Amino acid sequence: MIGLDTSTIIDLFKGNEKVKLVLEKNKEPLVISIISYLELFFGIDAMNSKHNIEASYYRELFSRVYVLNLTQNACEEASNIFWKLKREGREIDQFDCVIASIFLTNGINKIITGNVKHFERIKDLEVIRY
């Protein structure tokens, strides 16, 4: 299985051809973290009619792809990732730590992302770029 990062989902919505090519070549099942849903909807203003199409797209995508939820184990792993990187002076966004921890605690060690600079800092995660 391969996890999709929030940046990948946004780029897919925008019709990014590089993302489409990577996904077409992929033979493994795809999963998404519920944290990406949260990140996506932080960018959606429900009162802005222009955002309705985007919100509908994300709802549909999340209904069709396997979604991994946040667990206590993933919370602790996210903290471990965050503090390890912080001690090394290579801190990344906490949402990225949580997304990575959800994938890793579910045995998923690959992520497709446009946010390579952050995820490549996580030792046990193989980054697939586009």
N, C-alpha and C. Protein backbone atom coordinates (compact mmCIF):
# COMPACT_ATOMS: atom_id res chain seq x y z
N MET A 1 0.83 -1.18 0.00
CA MET A 1 0.00 0.00 0.00
C MET A 1 0.88 1.25 0.00
N ILE A 2 0.32 2.30 -0.59
CA ILE A 2 1.01 3.58 -0.65
C ILE A 2 0.07 4.67 -0.15
N GLY A 3 0.60 5.55 0.70
CA GLY A 3 -0.19 6.65 1.22
C GLY A 3 -0.11 7.87 0.33
N LEU A 4 -1.21 8.57 0.25
CA LEU A 4 -1.25 9.84 -0.47
C LEU A 4 -1.20 10.97 0.54
N ASP A 5 -0.32 11.92 0.31
CA ASP A 5 -0.23 13.10 1.15
C ASP A 5 -1.26 14.12 0.70
N THR A 6 -1.53 15.07 1.56
CA THR A 6 -2.50 16.13 1.27
C THR A 6 -2.12 16.90 0.01
N SER A 7 -0.84 17.19 -0.16
CA SER A 7 -0.41 17.93 -1.36
C SER A 7 -0.75 17.17 -2.63
N THR A 8 -0.67 15.86 -2.59
CA THR A 8 -0.98 15.03 -3.75
C THR A 8 -2.47 15.11 -4.07
N ILE A 9 -3.29 15.08 -3.04
CA ILE A 9 -4.74 15.15 -3.24
C ILE A 9 -5.12 16.50 -3.85
N ILE A 10 -4.53 17.56 -3.36
CA ILE A 10 -4.80 18.90 -3.91
C ILE A 10 -4.35 18.97 -5.37
N ASP A 11 -3.16 18.47 -5.65
CA ASP A 11 -2.65 18.51 -7.02
C ASP A 11 -3.48 17.62 -7.95
N LEU A 12 -4.01 16.54 -7.43
CA LEU A 12 -4.90 15.69 -8.21
C LEU A 12 -6.18 16.45 -8.56
N PHE A 13 -6.74 17.15 -7.59
CA PHE A 13 -7.93 17.98 -7.84
C PHE A 13 -7.64 19.02 -8.91
N LYS A 14 -6.45 19.61 -8.87
CA LYS A 14 -6.09 20.66 -9.82
C LYS A 14 -5.74 20.10 -11.20
N GLY A 15 -5.70 18.77 -11.34
CA GLY A 15 -5.42 18.15 -12.63
C GLY A 15 -3.95 18.05 -12.97
N ASN A 16 -3.08 18.06 -11.97
CA ASN A 16 -1.63 17.97 -12.19
C ASN A 16 -1.29 16.68 -12.95
N GLU A 17 -0.71 16.83 -14.12
CA GLU A 17 -0.40 15.69 -14.98
C GLU A 17 0.68 14.78 -14.37
N LYS A 18 1.63 15.35 -13.65
CA LYS A 18 2.68 14.54 -13.04
C LYS A 18 2.09 13.59 -12.00
N VAL A 19 1.14 14.08 -11.22
CA VAL A 19 0.47 13.23 -10.23
C VAL A 19 -0.27 12.11 -10.94
N LYS A 20 -1.00 12.45 -11.98
CA LYS A 20 -1.76 11.45 -12.72
C LYS A 20 -0.85 10.35 -13.26
N LEU A 21 0.31 10.73 -13.79
CA LEU A 21 1.25 9.75 -14.32
C LEU A 21 1.77 8.80 -13.24
N VAL A 22 2.11 9.36 -12.09
CA VAL A 22 2.60 8.53 -10.98
C VAL A 22 1.51 7.55 -10.54
N LEU A 23 0.29 8.03 -10.43
CA LEU A 23 -0.81 7.17 -9.99
C LEU A 23 -1.15 6.11 -11.03
N GLU A 24 -1.05 6.46 -12.30
CA GLU A 24 -1.32 5.48 -13.36
C GLU A 24 -0.28 4.37 -13.37
N LYS A 25 0.96 4.69 -13.08
CA LYS A 25 2.04 3.70 -13.05
C LYS A 25 1.98 2.83 -11.80
N ASN A 26 1.36 3.31 -10.77
CA ASN A 26 1.31 2.61 -9.50
C ASN A 26 0.42 1.37 -9.59
N LYS A 27 0.88 0.28 -9.01
CA LYS A 27 0.11 -0.97 -9.00
C LYS A 27 -0.39 -1.32 -7.60
N GLU A 28 0.04 -0.56 -6.59
CA GLU A 28 -0.32 -0.86 -5.22
C GLU A 28 -1.60 -0.12 -4.81
N PRO A 29 -2.34 -0.68 -3.86
CA PRO A 29 -3.52 0.02 -3.35
C PRO A 29 -3.12 1.34 -2.68
N LEU A 30 -4.00 2.33 -2.78
CA LEU A 30 -3.75 3.65 -2.21
C LEU A 30 -4.56 3.84 -0.93
N VAL A 31 -3.98 4.56 0.02
CA VAL A 31 -4.68 4.90 1.26
C VAL A 31 -4.47 6.39 1.53
N ILE A 32 -5.39 6.94 2.32
CA ILE A 32 -5.34 8.34 2.70
C ILE A 32 -5.53 8.42 4.21
N SER A 33 -4.90 9.40 4.80
CA SER A 33 -5.06 9.64 6.24
C SER A 33 -6.23 10.59 6.48
N ILE A 34 -6.95 10.36 7.54
CA ILE A 34 -8.04 11.26 7.91
C ILE A 34 -7.52 12.67 8.20
N ILE A 35 -6.25 12.77 8.56
CA ILE A 35 -5.65 14.09 8.81
C ILE A 35 -5.62 14.91 7.53
N SER A 36 -5.43 14.26 6.39
CA SER A 36 -5.48 14.99 5.12
C SER A 36 -6.86 15.59 4.90
N TYR A 37 -7.90 14.85 5.28
CA TYR A 37 -9.26 15.38 5.17
C TYR A 37 -9.40 16.67 5.98
N LEU A 38 -8.86 16.65 7.18
CA LEU A 38 -8.88 17.83 8.04
C LEU A 38 -8.11 18.98 7.39
N GLU A 39 -6.91 18.70 6.91
CA GLU A 39 -6.12 19.76 6.25
C GLU A 39 -6.86 20.33 5.05
N LEU A 40 -7.46 19.46 4.25
CA LEU A 40 -8.17 19.91 3.06
C LEU A 40 -9.33 20.82 3.43
N PHE A 41 -10.08 20.43 4.44
CA PHE A 41 -11.26 21.22 4.80
C PHE A 41 -10.93 22.48 5.59
N PHE A 42 -9.73 22.57 6.14
CA PHE A 42 -9.27 23.85 6.68
C PHE A 42 -9.13 24.86 5.54
N GLY A 43 -8.90 24.38 4.33
CA GLY A 43 -8.78 25.25 3.17
C GLY A 43 -10.09 25.54 2.46
N ILE A 44 -11.18 24.96 2.96
CA ILE A 44 -12.49 25.14 2.34
C ILE A 44 -13.33 26.08 3.20
N ASP A 45 -13.77 27.17 2.61
CA ASP A 45 -14.68 28.08 3.28
C ASP A 45 -16.09 27.69 2.85
N ALA A 46 -16.85 27.08 3.74
CA ALA A 46 -18.19 26.58 3.43
C ALA A 46 -19.13 27.70 2.96
N MET A 47 -18.83 28.92 3.29
CA MET A 47 -19.66 30.05 2.88
C MET A 47 -19.27 30.59 1.51
N ASN A 48 -18.19 30.07 0.94
CA ASN A 48 -17.71 30.51 -0.36
C ASN A 48 -18.17 29.50 -1.41
N SER A 49 -19.09 29.90 -2.27
CA SER A 49 -19.66 28.98 -3.26
C SER A 49 -18.61 28.42 -4.22
N LYS A 50 -17.51 29.13 -4.41
CA LYS A 50 -16.44 28.65 -5.29
C LYS A 50 -15.77 27.40 -4.73
N HIS A 51 -15.88 27.19 -3.43
CA HIS A 51 -15.23 26.05 -2.79
C HIS A 51 -16.10 24.79 -2.83
N ASN A 52 -17.36 24.92 -3.24
CA ASN A 52 -18.27 23.77 -3.23
C ASN A 52 -17.80 22.62 -4.11
N ILE A 53 -17.29 22.93 -5.28
CA ILE A 53 -16.82 21.89 -6.20
C ILE A 53 -15.64 21.15 -5.60
N GLU A 54 -14.73 21.90 -5.03
CA GLU A 54 -13.55 21.30 -4.40
C GLU A 54 -13.97 20.41 -3.22
N ALA A 55 -14.86 20.89 -2.39
CA ALA A 55 -15.33 20.11 -1.24
C ALA A 55 -16.01 18.83 -1.72
N SER A 56 -16.81 18.92 -2.74
CA SER A 56 -17.48 17.73 -3.28
C SER A 56 -16.48 16.71 -3.82
N TYR A 57 -15.46 17.22 -4.49
CA TYR A 57 -14.41 16.34 -5.01
C TYR A 57 -13.74 15.56 -3.88
N TYR A 58 -13.38 16.26 -2.81
CA TYR A 58 -12.70 15.62 -1.69
C TYR A 58 -13.61 14.61 -1.00
N ARG A 59 -14.86 14.96 -0.81
CA ARG A 59 -15.81 14.01 -0.19
C ARG A 59 -15.92 12.74 -1.01
N GLU A 60 -16.04 12.91 -2.32
CA GLU A 60 -16.15 11.75 -3.22
C GLU A 60 -14.88 10.89 -3.17
N LEU A 61 -13.73 11.53 -3.24
CA LEU A 61 -12.47 10.79 -3.19
C LEU A 61 -12.35 10.00 -1.89
N PHE A 62 -12.65 10.63 -0.78
CA PHE A 62 -12.52 9.96 0.51
C PHE A 62 -13.55 8.84 0.69
N SER A 63 -14.63 8.89 -0.06
CA SER A 63 -15.61 7.81 0.01
C SER A 63 -15.18 6.59 -0.82
N ARG A 64 -14.21 6.80 -1.72
CA ARG A 64 -13.78 5.74 -2.63
C ARG A 64 -12.43 5.11 -2.26
N VAL A 65 -11.67 5.78 -1.42
CA VAL A 65 -10.33 5.31 -1.07
C VAL A 65 -10.33 4.91 0.41
N TYR A 66 -9.50 3.93 0.74
CA TYR A 66 -9.41 3.49 2.13
C TYR A 66 -8.80 4.61 2.97
N VAL A 67 -9.47 4.99 4.05
CA VAL A 67 -9.03 6.09 4.91
C VAL A 67 -8.57 5.52 6.24
N LEU A 68 -7.35 5.88 6.62
CA LEU A 68 -6.79 5.46 7.91
C LEU A 68 -7.05 6.53 8.96
N ASN A 69 -7.51 6.10 10.12
CA ASN A 69 -7.84 7.02 11.20
C ASN A 69 -6.68 7.21 12.16
N LEU A 70 -6.80 8.21 12.98
CA LEU A 70 -5.80 8.52 14.00
C LEU A 70 -6.03 7.62 15.22
N THR A 71 -4.97 6.99 15.69
CA THR A 71 -5.03 6.13 16.87
C THR A 71 -4.08 6.66 17.94
N GLN A 72 -4.20 6.12 19.14
CA GLN A 72 -3.28 6.51 20.20
C GLN A 72 -1.84 6.16 19.82
N ASN A 73 -1.65 5.00 19.23
CA ASN A 73 -0.31 4.57 18.81
C ASN A 73 0.27 5.55 17.79
N ALA A 74 -0.56 5.98 16.85
CA ALA A 74 -0.09 6.95 15.84
C ALA A 74 0.22 8.30 16.48
N CYS A 75 -0.57 8.69 17.49
CA CYS A 75 -0.29 9.95 18.19
C CYS A 75 1.09 9.91 18.84
N GLU A 76 1.40 8.81 19.49
CA GLU A 76 2.70 8.69 20.15
C GLU A 76 3.83 8.65 19.13
N GLU A 77 3.60 7.96 18.02
CA GLU A 77 4.62 7.91 16.96
C GLU A 77 4.83 9.29 16.34
N ALA A 78 3.76 10.04 16.15
CA ALA A 78 3.88 11.40 15.61
C ALA A 78 4.74 12.26 16.52
N SER A 79 4.52 12.12 17.82
CA SER A 79 5.33 12.87 18.78
C SER A 79 6.80 12.46 18.69
N ASN A 80 7.05 11.16 18.57
CA ASN A 80 8.43 10.67 18.43
C ASN A 80 9.10 11.25 17.19
N ILE A 81 8.37 11.24 16.07
CA ILE A 81 8.91 11.79 14.82
C ILE A 81 9.21 13.28 14.99
N PHE A 82 8.24 14.00 15.54
CA PHE A 82 8.38 15.45 15.72
C PHE A 82 9.60 15.79 16.56
N TRP A 83 9.75 15.14 17.74
CA TRP A 83 10.85 15.48 18.65
C TRP A 83 12.19 15.03 18.12
N LYS A 84 12.23 13.91 17.42
CA LYS A 84 13.50 13.47 16.82
C LYS A 84 13.98 14.51 15.81
N LEU A 85 13.08 14.94 14.93
CA LEU A 85 13.46 15.93 13.93
C LEU A 85 13.77 17.29 14.54
N LYS A 86 13.03 17.66 15.57
CA LYS A 86 13.29 18.94 16.25
C LYS A 86 14.69 18.94 16.88
N ARG A 87 15.06 17.82 17.54
CA ARG A 87 16.40 17.73 18.14
C ARG A 87 17.50 17.83 17.09
N GLU A 88 17.20 17.35 15.89
CA GLU A 88 18.18 17.39 14.80
C GLU A 88 18.18 18.74 14.08
N GLY A 89 17.26 19.63 14.47
CA GLY A 89 17.15 20.92 13.80
C GLY A 89 16.51 20.81 12.43
N ARG A 90 15.70 19.77 12.23
CA ARG A 90 15.06 19.51 10.93
C ARG A 90 13.54 19.41 11.08
N GLU A 91 12.99 20.19 11.97
CA GLU A 91 11.58 20.15 12.31
C GLU A 91 10.68 20.32 11.08
N ILE A 92 9.55 19.61 11.09
CA ILE A 92 8.56 19.74 10.03
C ILE A 92 7.19 20.02 10.67
N ASP A 93 6.24 20.36 9.84
CA ASP A 93 4.88 20.64 10.29
C ASP A 93 4.31 19.45 11.07
N GLN A 94 3.60 19.74 12.14
CA GLN A 94 3.05 18.68 12.98
C GLN A 94 2.04 17.82 12.23
N PHE A 95 1.24 18.41 11.33
CA PHE A 95 0.31 17.60 10.54
C PHE A 95 1.07 16.56 9.71
N ASP A 96 2.23 16.94 9.16
CA ASP A 96 3.04 15.99 8.38
C ASP A 96 3.54 14.85 9.26
N CYS A 97 3.90 15.18 10.49
CA CYS A 97 4.32 14.12 11.44
C CYS A 97 3.18 13.16 11.70
N VAL A 98 1.98 13.69 11.85
CA VAL A 98 0.81 12.84 12.14
C VAL A 98 0.47 11.98 10.93
N ILE A 99 0.48 12.55 9.74
CA ILE A 99 0.19 11.77 8.53
C ILE A 99 1.20 10.64 8.39
N ALA A 100 2.47 10.96 8.54
CA ALA A 100 3.50 9.92 8.44
C ALA A 100 3.30 8.85 9.50
N SER A 101 2.99 9.25 10.72
CA SER A 101 2.82 8.27 11.80
C SER A 101 1.63 7.35 11.56
N ILE A 102 0.57 7.88 11.01
CA ILE A 102 -0.60 7.04 10.70
C ILE A 102 -0.22 5.99 9.67
N PHE A 103 0.48 6.40 8.64
CA PHE A 103 0.92 5.43 7.63
C PHE A 103 1.86 4.40 8.24
N LEU A 104 2.88 4.87 8.93
CA LEU A 104 3.90 3.96 9.48
C LEU A 104 3.32 2.97 10.49
N THR A 105 2.43 3.43 11.35
CA THR A 105 1.85 2.51 12.35
C THR A 105 0.88 1.52 11.73
N ASN A 106 0.53 1.75 10.48
CA ASN A 106 -0.31 0.80 9.75
C ASN A 106 0.50 -0.02 8.74
N GLY A 107 1.82 0.03 8.88
CA GLY A 107 2.70 -0.78 8.02
C GLY A 107 2.89 -0.23 6.63
N ILE A 108 2.57 1.02 6.43
CA ILE A 108 2.73 1.65 5.12
C ILE A 108 3.96 2.53 5.17
N ASN A 109 4.94 2.21 4.35
CA ASN A 109 6.21 2.95 4.41
C ASN A 109 6.51 3.72 3.13
N LYS A 110 5.47 3.94 2.30
CA LYS A 110 5.64 4.72 1.08
C LYS A 110 4.59 5.82 1.05
N ILE A 111 5.01 7.00 0.58
CA ILE A 111 4.08 8.12 0.46
C ILE A 111 4.33 8.84 -0.85
N ILE A 112 3.25 9.17 -1.53
CA ILE A 112 3.33 9.99 -2.74
C ILE A 112 3.05 11.43 -2.31
N THR A 113 4.00 12.31 -2.58
CA THR A 113 3.86 13.69 -2.11
C THR A 113 4.58 14.68 -3.01
N GLY A 114 4.06 15.89 -3.00
CA GLY A 114 4.75 17.02 -3.62
C GLY A 114 5.56 17.76 -2.57
N ASN A 115 5.40 17.36 -1.33
CA ASN A 115 6.10 17.99 -0.20
C ASN A 115 7.31 17.14 0.19
N VAL A 116 8.19 16.94 -0.76
CA VAL A 116 9.33 16.06 -0.59
C VAL A 116 10.24 16.51 0.53
N LYS A 117 10.49 17.81 0.64
CA LYS A 117 11.44 18.32 1.63
C LYS A 117 11.08 17.91 3.05
N HIS A 118 9.81 17.84 3.36
CA HIS A 118 9.42 17.45 4.71
C HIS A 118 9.46 15.94 4.90
N PHE A 119 8.82 15.21 4.03
CA PHE A 119 8.68 13.77 4.25
C PHE A 119 9.98 12.99 4.07
N GLU A 120 10.91 13.51 3.29
CA GLU A 120 12.17 12.79 3.13
C GLU A 120 13.00 12.81 4.41
N ARG A 121 12.66 13.64 5.36
CA ARG A 121 13.36 13.70 6.65
C ARG A 121 12.96 12.54 7.57
N ILE A 122 11.90 11.86 7.24
CA ILE A 122 11.41 10.76 8.08
C ILE A 122 12.04 9.47 7.58
N LYS A 123 12.93 8.94 8.39
CA LYS A 123 13.80 7.84 8.00
C LYS A 123 13.08 6.62 7.43
N ASP A 124 12.00 6.21 8.04
CA ASP A 124 11.35 4.96 7.66
C ASP A 124 10.34 5.11 6.54
N LEU A 125 10.26 6.28 5.94
CA LEU A 125 9.26 6.56 4.91
C LEU A 125 9.92 6.76 3.56
N GLU A 126 9.52 5.95 2.60
CA GLU A 126 10.01 6.11 1.23
C GLU A 126 9.14 7.13 0.49
N VAL A 127 9.77 8.16 -0.02
CA VAL A 127 9.04 9.23 -0.69
C VAL A 127 9.01 8.99 -2.18
N ILE A 128 7.81 9.00 -2.73
CA ILE A 128 7.61 8.91 -4.17
C ILE A 128 7.21 10.29 -4.64
N ARG A 129 8.06 10.89 -5.46
CA ARG A 129 7.84 12.27 -5.89
C ARG A 129 7.17 12.31 -7.27
N TYR A 130 6.65 13.43 -7.54
CA TYR A 130 6.07 13.66 -8.86
C TYR A 130 6.47 15.03 -9.37
